[in-house]
Amino acid sequence: MQALYDEWLKMATHVGAVCLAEKRIVAGAESCTGGLISAVLTSVSGSSAWVDRGFVTYSNEAKIELLGVSPATLEAFGAVSEETAREMALGALARSRATLAYSVTGVAGPTGGTASKPVGMVCFGFAAATGVVTATKHFLGDRSSVREQSVNFVLARLAAKS
């Protein structure tokens, strides 16, 4: 676990450097990762200069109340969908002073998967003033592995130059 944490800290430090250089401020909306990404980002000393806040919205009610996700979106597409990830990211952006917001919603397992949304399916959103990008990944492994791969994906995307 220490090796994984050390790698995440290295990645988060790089995210911080990119954010500072590009004057980005980050906010996050997390469901299946339960705030793990925010915890990693704020492990970096000085991260208060580029991290504004994180929303842990595990339930649909939290997604609606804290992020403004439409009940109609949840009804039509479900919590694990790019449509919900899009609204989560936009909600985090609108309810913070961030210039870039990420969102994560998925099925980490070992239960909760279906034929159309199997364990390991995770949807992501990245919102900025320029628009929103979404993605869906299908990760293999147990609950911890799915969450770890989700953290890696978000950190890599946040570190990418705009």
C-alpha atoms as a PDB file:
ATOM      1  CA  MET A   1       0.000   0.000   0.000  1.00  0.00           C
ATOM      2  CA  GLN A   2       2.869   2.374   0.746  1.00  0.00           C
ATOM      3  CA  ALA A   3       4.197   2.031  -2.807  1.00  0.00           C
ATOM      4  CA  LEU A   4       0.770   2.885  -4.208  1.00  0.00           C
ATOM      5  CA  TYR A   5       0.445   5.898  -1.908  1.00  0.00           C
ATOM      6  CA  ASP A   6       3.926   7.090  -2.883  1.00  0.00           C
ATOM      7  CA  GLU A   7       3.007   6.835  -6.577  1.00  0.00           C
ATOM      8  CA  TRP A   8      -0.247   8.734  -5.999  1.00  0.00           C
ATOM      9  CA  LEU A   9       1.588  11.431  -4.063  1.00  0.00           C
ATOM     10  CA  LYS A  10       4.049  11.797  -6.943  1.00  0.00           C
ATOM     11  CA  MET A  11       1.167  12.072  -9.432  1.00  0.00           C
ATOM     12  CA  ALA A  12      -0.731  14.536  -7.221  1.00  0.00           C
ATOM     13  CA  THR A  13       2.385  16.681  -6.826  1.00  0.00           C
ATOM     14  CA  HIS A  14       2.601  16.823 -10.626  1.00  0.00           C
ATOM     15  CA  VAL A  15      -1.116  17.732 -10.809  1.00  0.00           C
ATOM     16  CA  GLY A  16      -0.404  20.568  -8.384  1.00  0.00           C
ATOM     17  CA  ALA A  17       2.486  21.858 -10.469  1.00  0.00           C
ATOM     18  CA  VAL A  18       0.339  21.850 -13.619  1.00  0.00           C
ATOM     19  CA  CYS A  19      -2.530  23.546 -11.795  1.00  0.00           C
ATOM     20  CA  LEU A  20      -0.267  26.253 -10.414  1.00  0.00           C
ATOM     21  CA  ALA A  21       1.380  26.834 -13.794  1.00  0.00           C
ATOM     22  CA  GLU A  22      -1.971  27.053 -15.572  1.00  0.00           C
ATOM     23  CA  LYS A  23      -3.800  28.838 -12.739  1.00  0.00           C
ATOM     24  CA  ARG A  24      -6.275  25.987 -12.335  1.00  0.00           C
ATOM     25  CA  ILE A  25      -8.338  25.381  -9.236  1.00  0.00           C
ATOM     26  CA  VAL A  26      -9.799  21.894  -8.854  1.00  0.00           C
ATOM     27  CA  ALA A  27     -13.011  20.594  -7.307  1.00  0.00           C
ATOM     28  CA  GLY A  28     -14.205  17.015  -7.302  1.00  0.00           C
ATOM     29  CA  ALA A  29     -17.430  15.050  -7.105  1.00  0.00           C
ATOM     30  CA  GLU A  30     -16.909  11.448  -6.082  1.00  0.00           C
ATOM     31  CA  SER A  31     -19.244   8.536  -5.639  1.00  0.00           C
ATOM     32  CA  CYS A  32     -17.579   5.093  -5.833  1.00  0.00           C
ATOM     33  CA  THR A  33     -14.182   6.500  -4.814  1.00  0.00           C
ATOM     34  CA  GLY A  34     -15.667   8.014  -1.664  1.00  0.00           C
ATOM     35  CA  GLY A  35     -13.354  11.024  -1.519  1.00  0.00           C
ATOM     36  CA  LEU A  36     -10.181   9.051  -2.178  1.00  0.00           C
ATOM     37  CA  ILE A  37      -9.095  11.368  -5.001  1.00  0.00           C
ATOM     38  CA  SER A  38      -9.616  14.458  -2.855  1.00  0.00           C
ATOM     39  CA  ALA A  39      -7.622  12.790  -0.082  1.00  0.00           C
ATOM     40  CA  VAL A  40      -4.749  12.113  -2.457  1.00  0.00           C
ATOM     41  CA  LEU A  41      -4.779  15.644  -3.884  1.00  0.00           C
ATOM     42  CA  THR A  42      -4.827  17.251  -0.451  1.00  0.00           C
ATOM     43  CA  SER A  43      -1.935  15.060   0.698  1.00  0.00           C
ATOM     44  CA  VAL A  44       0.302  17.469  -1.198  1.00  0.00           C
ATOM     45  CA  SER A  45       1.613  20.288   0.947  1.00  0.00           C
ATOM     46  CA  GLY A  46       0.334  23.599  -0.400  1.00  0.00           C
ATOM     47  CA  SER A  47      -2.608  22.000  -2.213  1.00  0.00           C
ATOM     48  CA  SER A  48      -4.934  24.653  -0.792  1.00  0.00           C
ATOM     49  CA  ALA A  49      -3.578  26.911  -3.550  1.00  0.00           C
ATOM     50  CA  TRP A  50      -5.119  24.682  -6.244  1.00  0.00           C
ATOM     51  CA  VAL A  51      -7.772  22.475  -4.580  1.00  0.00           C
ATOM     52  CA  ASP A  52     -11.028  24.142  -3.621  1.00  0.00           C
ATOM     53  CA  ARG A  53     -13.309  21.355  -2.394  1.00  0.00           C
ATOM     54  CA  GLY A  54     -14.584  17.833  -2.828  1.00  0.00           C
ATOM     55  CA  PHE A  55     -18.107  16.463  -2.751  1.00  0.00           C
ATOM     56  CA  VAL A  56     -18.685  12.864  -1.720  1.00  0.00           C
ATOM     57  CA  THR A  57     -22.093  12.092  -3.167  1.00  0.00           C
ATOM     58  CA  TYR A  58     -22.573   8.382  -2.724  1.00  0.00           C
ATOM     59  CA  SER A  59     -26.378   8.385  -2.731  1.00  0.00           C
ATOM     60  CA  ASN A  60     -28.627   9.662  -5.489  1.00  0.00           C
ATOM     61  CA  GLU A  61     -30.111  12.108  -2.987  1.00  0.00           C
ATOM     62  CA  ALA A  62     -26.674  13.585  -2.334  1.00  0.00           C
ATOM     63  CA  LYS A  63     -26.041  13.913  -6.065  1.00  0.00           C
ATOM     64  CA  ILE A  64     -29.318  15.808  -6.408  1.00  0.00           C
ATOM     65  CA  GLU A  65     -29.001  17.973  -3.274  1.00  0.00           C
ATOM     66  CA  LEU A  66     -25.294  18.837  -3.373  1.00  0.00           C
ATOM     67  CA  LEU A  67     -24.528  18.836  -7.096  1.00  0.00           C
ATOM     68  CA  GLY A  68     -27.866  19.563  -8.741  1.00  0.00           C
ATOM     69  CA  VAL A  69     -27.976  16.308 -10.698  1.00  0.00           C
ATOM     70  CA  SER A  70     -31.402  16.060 -12.266  1.00  0.00           C
ATOM     71  CA  PRO A  71     -33.685  13.352 -10.900  1.00  0.00           C
ATOM     72  CA  ALA A  72     -34.762  12.825 -14.523  1.00  0.00           C
ATOM     73  CA  THR A  73     -31.160  12.039 -15.499  1.00  0.00           C
ATOM     74  CA  LEU A  74     -30.849   9.530 -12.683  1.00  0.00           C
ATOM     75  CA  GLU A  75     -34.193   7.977 -13.649  1.00  0.00           C
ATOM     76  CA  ALA A  76     -33.373   7.742 -17.355  1.00  0.00           C
ATOM     77  CA  PHE A  77     -29.692   6.777 -17.232  1.00  0.00           C
ATOM     78  CA  GLY A  78     -28.914   5.719 -13.661  1.00  0.00           C
ATOM     79  CA  ALA A  79     -26.225   6.879 -11.282  1.00  0.00           C
ATOM     80  CA  VAL A  80     -23.556   5.027 -13.247  1.00  0.00           C
ATOM     81  CA  SER A  81     -23.680   6.819 -16.584  1.00  0.00           C
ATOM     82  CA  GLU A  82     -21.780   9.444 -18.499  1.00  0.00           C
ATOM     83  CA  GLU A  83     -24.882  11.641 -18.301  1.00  0.00           C
ATOM     84  CA  THR A  84     -24.760  11.585 -14.498  1.00  0.00           C
ATOM     85  CA  ALA A  85     -20.981  12.025 -14.487  1.00  0.00           C
ATOM     86  CA  ARG A  86     -21.441  15.083 -16.727  1.00  0.00           C
ATOM     87  CA  GLU A  87     -23.985  16.656 -14.365  1.00  0.00           C
ATOM     88  CA  MET A  88     -21.868  15.812 -11.320  1.00  0.00           C
ATOM     89  CA  ALA A  89     -18.821  17.559 -12.822  1.00  0.00           C
ATOM     90  CA  LEU A  90     -20.869  20.579 -13.881  1.00  0.00           C
ATOM     91  CA  GLY A  91     -22.442  20.732 -10.426  1.00  0.00           C
ATOM     92  CA  ALA A  92     -19.055  20.658  -8.713  1.00  0.00           C
ATOM     93  CA  LEU A  93     -17.831  23.407 -11.022  1.00  0.00           C
ATOM     94  CA  ALA A  94     -20.903  25.581 -10.405  1.00  0.00           C
ATOM     95  CA  ARG A  95     -20.852  25.074  -6.629  1.00  0.00           C
ATOM     96  CA  SER A  96     -17.207  25.948  -6.103  1.00  0.00           C
ATOM     97  CA  ARG A  97     -14.590  28.474  -7.110  1.00  0.00           C
ATOM     98  CA  ALA A  98     -12.905  25.832  -9.273  1.00  0.00           C
ATOM     99  CA  THR A  99     -11.901  26.278 -12.882  1.00  0.00           C
ATOM    100  CA  LEU A 100     -11.776  22.510 -13.419  1.00  0.00           C
ATOM    101  CA  ALA A 101     -13.969  19.846 -11.867  1.00  0.00           C
ATOM    102  CA  TYR A 102     -13.867  16.071 -12.060  1.00  0.00           C
ATOM    103  CA  SER A 103     -16.492  13.477 -11.233  1.00  0.00           C
ATOM    104  CA  VAL A 104     -16.463   9.730 -10.674  1.00  0.00           C
ATOM    105  CA  THR A 105     -19.430   7.368 -10.473  1.00  0.00           C
ATOM    106  CA  GLY A 106     -19.290   3.640 -10.913  1.00  0.00           C
ATOM    107  CA  VAL A 107     -19.714   0.079  -9.711  1.00  0.00           C
ATOM    108  CA  ALA A 108     -16.681  -0.849  -7.623  1.00  0.00           C
ATOM    109  CA  GLY A 109     -18.146  -4.190  -6.529  1.00  0.00           C
ATOM    110  CA  PRO A 110     -18.166  -6.854  -5.514  1.00  0.00           C
ATOM    111  CA  THR A 111     -21.951  -6.411  -5.621  1.00  0.00           C
ATOM    112  CA  GLY A 112     -24.154  -3.982  -7.520  1.00  0.00           C
ATOM    113  CA  GLY A 113     -23.194  -4.925 -11.043  1.00  0.00           C
ATOM    114  CA  THR A 114     -25.685  -5.804 -13.782  1.00  0.00           C
ATOM    115  CA  ALA A 115     -25.346  -7.131 -17.315  1.00  0.00           C
ATOM    116  CA  SER A 116     -25.441  -3.594 -18.719  1.00  0.00           C
ATOM    117  CA  LYS A 117     -23.402  -2.020 -15.888  1.00  0.00           C
ATOM    118  CA  PRO A 118     -20.984  -4.646 -14.654  1.00  0.00           C
ATOM    119  CA  VAL A 119     -18.650  -4.424 -11.691  1.00  0.00           C
ATOM    120  CA  GLY A 120     -15.686  -2.331 -12.804  1.00  0.00           C
ATOM    121  CA  MET A 121     -17.687   0.080 -14.956  1.00  0.00           C
ATOM    122  CA  VAL A 122     -16.786   3.630 -13.935  1.00  0.00           C
ATOM    123  CA  CYS A 123     -17.922   6.876 -15.572  1.00  0.00           C
ATOM    124  CA  PHE A 124     -15.950  10.096 -15.352  1.00  0.00           C
ATOM    125  CA  GLY A 125     -16.632  13.739 -16.100  1.00  0.00           C
ATOM    126  CA  PHE A 126     -14.251  16.673 -16.465  1.00  0.00           C
ATOM    127  CA  ALA A 127     -15.798  20.148 -16.630  1.00  0.00           C
ATOM    128  CA  ALA A 128     -14.259  23.539 -17.313  1.00  0.00           C
ATOM    129  CA  ALA A 129     -15.453  26.795 -18.816  1.00  0.00           C
ATOM    130  CA  THR A 130     -14.662  25.319 -22.230  1.00  0.00           C
ATOM    131  CA  GLY A 131     -17.064  22.407 -21.797  1.00  0.00           C
ATOM    132  CA  VAL A 132     -17.392  18.905 -20.437  1.00  0.00           C
ATOM    133  CA  VAL A 133     -15.662  15.691 -21.450  1.00  0.00           C
ATOM    134  CA  THR A 134     -16.905  12.319 -20.241  1.00  0.00           C
ATOM    135  CA  ALA A 135     -15.465   8.826 -20.391  1.00  0.00           C
ATOM    136  CA  THR A 136     -16.378   5.319 -19.331  1.00  0.00           C
ATOM    137  CA  LYS A 137     -13.818   2.728 -18.306  1.00  0.00           C
ATOM    138  CA  HIS A 138     -14.234  -0.960 -17.547  1.00  0.00           C
ATOM    139  CA  PHE A 139     -11.667  -1.881 -14.928  1.00  0.00           C
ATOM    140  CA  LEU A 140     -10.809  -5.408 -13.860  1.00  0.00           C
ATOM    141  CA  GLY A 141     -10.186  -6.549 -10.326  1.00  0.00           C
ATOM    142  CA  ASP A 142     -11.706  -6.336  -6.898  1.00  0.00           C
ATOM    143  CA  ARG A 143     -13.261  -3.283  -5.217  1.00  0.00           C
ATOM    144  CA  SER A 144      -9.916  -1.851  -4.126  1.00  0.00           C
ATOM    145  CA  SER A 145      -8.437  -2.332  -7.576  1.00  0.00           C
ATOM    146  CA  VAL A 146     -11.366  -0.615  -9.326  1.00  0.00           C
ATOM    147  CA  ARG A 147     -11.092   2.339  -6.958  1.00  0.00           C
ATOM    148  CA  GLU A 148      -7.295   2.511  -7.395  1.00  0.00           C
ATOM    149  CA  GLN A 149      -7.590   2.469 -11.180  1.00  0.00           C
ATOM    150  CA  SER A 150     -10.216   5.208 -10.966  1.00  0.00           C
ATOM    151  CA  VAL A 151      -7.855   7.381  -8.907  1.00  0.00           C
ATOM    152  CA  ASN A 152      -5.051   6.758 -11.420  1.00  0.00           C
ATOM    153  CA  PHE A 153      -7.297   7.724 -14.338  1.00  0.00           C
ATOM    154  CA  VAL A 154      -8.426  10.995 -12.756  1.00  0.00           C
ATOM    155  CA  LEU A 155      -4.935  11.989 -11.625  1.00  0.00           C
ATOM    156  CA  ALA A 156      -3.571  11.352 -15.119  1.00  0.00           C
ATOM    157  CA  ARG A 157      -6.326  13.456 -16.688  1.00  0.00           C
ATOM    158  CA  LEU A 158      -5.883  16.289 -14.186  1.00  0.00           C
ATOM    159  CA  ALA A 159      -2.143  16.321 -14.875  1.00  0.00           C
ATOM    160  CA  ALA A 160      -2.628  16.613 -18.645  1.00  0.00           C
ATOM    161  CA  LYS A 161      -1.821  20.029 -20.013  1.00  0.00           C
ATOM    162  CA  SER A 162      -4.871  21.909 -21.227  1.00  0.00           C
END
